[in-house]
Amino acid sequence: MIKNMLIISTVFTTALLSSCSKKHHPSNSTTETKSTTIVIPPKPKEPIPTVITVNDKVATKSVDGRLYYDLQGRRYWRNYKDGKYYLFNKSMYNNPDFKPQ
């Protein structure tokens, strides 16, 4: 009697452990549905303005005292002669119009 109980408990434990194994997964073939691919059209590229007008209160001051404004990942520097902000280029370093008085 004890031998039969030991065999039954061993079989039951083995079945329980093997059913929880990570190797055994139910197939998804019955629950699979046809997948659809969503195509998102590319955004139209906006033209990058070379000159913008910004209130000086929202502009940021750099270490050397010049004002700049960041827009769409681009930096615009203030021209102190006409008060507009121009897209950065290398010639601004030597141009006296972009240096504060």
Protein backbone atom coordinates (compact mmCIF):
# COMPACT_ATOMS: atom_id res chain seq x y z
CA MET A 1 0.00 0.00 0.00
CA ILE A 2 2.77 2.43 0.90
CA LYS A 3 4.63 1.40 -2.25
CA ASN A 4 1.58 2.20 -4.41
CA MET A 5 1.13 5.59 -2.73
CA LEU A 6 4.80 6.38 -3.32
CA ILE A 7 4.52 5.48 -7.02
CA ILE A 8 1.31 7.50 -7.47
CA SER A 9 2.77 10.56 -5.72
CA THR A 10 5.96 10.30 -7.79
CA VAL A 11 4.00 10.09 -11.06
CA PHE A 12 1.76 12.97 -10.00
CA THR A 13 4.76 15.15 -8.99
CA THR A 14 6.57 14.38 -12.26
CA ALA A 15 3.50 15.20 -14.31
CA LEU A 16 3.00 18.43 -12.39
CA LEU A 17 6.62 19.54 -12.83
CA SER A 18 6.76 18.63 -16.52
CA SER A 19 3.56 20.51 -17.28
CA CYS A 20 5.10 23.68 -15.82
CA SER A 21 8.24 23.37 -17.89
CA LYS A 22 9.21 26.39 -19.98
CA LYS A 23 9.84 24.13 -22.95
CA HIS A 24 6.16 23.40 -23.39
CA HIS A 25 4.02 26.20 -24.77
CA PRO A 26 0.58 25.94 -26.29
CA SER A 27 0.56 26.67 -29.99
CA ASN A 28 -0.92 29.92 -31.20
CA SER A 29 -2.11 28.51 -34.51
CA THR A 30 -5.74 28.46 -33.42
CA THR A 31 -5.69 31.99 -32.05
CA GLU A 32 -3.56 33.55 -34.80
CA THR A 33 -5.23 36.22 -36.86
CA LYS A 34 -4.06 37.80 -40.06
CA SER A 35 -1.81 40.71 -39.21
CA THR A 36 -1.99 43.94 -41.13
CA THR A 37 0.88 46.29 -41.64
CA ILE A 38 0.21 49.94 -40.99
CA VAL A 39 2.14 52.25 -43.28
CA ILE A 40 2.66 55.76 -41.97
CA PRO A 41 3.40 58.28 -44.71
CA PRO A 42 6.49 60.42 -44.14
CA LYS A 43 5.96 63.91 -42.81
CA PRO A 44 6.45 66.64 -45.36
CA LYS A 45 9.65 68.53 -44.70
CA GLU A 46 9.10 72.07 -43.56
CA PRO A 47 11.43 74.70 -44.96
CA ILE A 48 13.95 75.97 -42.44
CA PRO A 49 13.62 79.73 -42.00
CA THR A 50 16.90 81.66 -42.14
CA VAL A 51 15.53 84.75 -40.36
CA ILE A 52 13.06 84.86 -37.47
CA THR A 53 11.73 87.58 -35.20
CA VAL A 54 11.69 86.77 -31.49
CA ASN A 55 11.00 88.81 -28.38
CA ASP A 56 14.28 89.34 -26.51
CA LYS A 57 12.63 88.26 -23.24
CA VAL A 58 12.33 84.65 -24.45
CA ALA A 59 15.86 84.53 -25.90
CA THR A 60 18.75 83.06 -23.94
CA LYS A 61 21.98 84.90 -23.21
CA SER A 62 25.26 83.13 -23.94
CA VAL A 63 28.43 83.38 -21.87
CA ASP A 64 29.83 86.19 -24.00
CA GLY A 65 26.59 88.20 -23.74
CA ARG A 66 25.06 87.47 -27.14
CA LEU A 67 21.38 86.50 -27.41
CA TYR A 68 20.27 83.32 -29.13
CA TYR A 69 17.05 81.35 -29.61
CA ASP A 70 16.67 77.63 -30.33
CA LEU A 71 13.92 76.61 -32.75
CA GLN A 72 13.35 73.11 -34.16
CA GLY A 73 16.83 72.00 -33.12
CA ARG A 74 18.53 74.96 -34.80
CA ARG A 75 20.17 77.95 -33.13
CA TYR A 76 19.43 81.51 -34.20
CA TRP A 77 21.65 84.43 -33.12
CA ARG A 78 20.47 88.00 -32.67
CA ASN A 79 21.69 90.66 -35.06
CA TYR A 80 22.00 93.81 -32.92
CA LYS A 81 21.83 96.08 -35.98
CA ASP A 82 18.31 95.11 -37.17
CA GLY A 83 17.03 93.12 -34.12
CA LYS A 84 16.24 89.91 -36.02
CA TYR A 85 17.55 86.43 -35.31
CA TYR A 86 19.55 84.67 -38.03
CA LEU A 87 20.33 80.99 -38.48
CA PHE A 88 23.87 80.28 -37.27
CA ASN A 89 26.77 80.32 -39.70
CA LYS A 90 30.53 80.71 -39.21
CA SER A 91 30.67 84.29 -40.47
CA MET A 92 28.83 85.47 -37.35
CA TYR A 93 31.98 85.19 -35.24
CA ASN A 94 33.74 88.02 -37.07
CA ASN A 95 30.66 90.10 -37.91
CA PRO A 96 30.33 93.09 -35.53
CA ASP A 97 26.54 93.16 -36.04
CA PHE A 98 26.18 89.96 -33.98
CA LYS A 99 28.22 91.23 -31.00
CA PRO A 100 26.50 93.18 -28.21
CA GLN A 101 27.41 96.85 -27.80
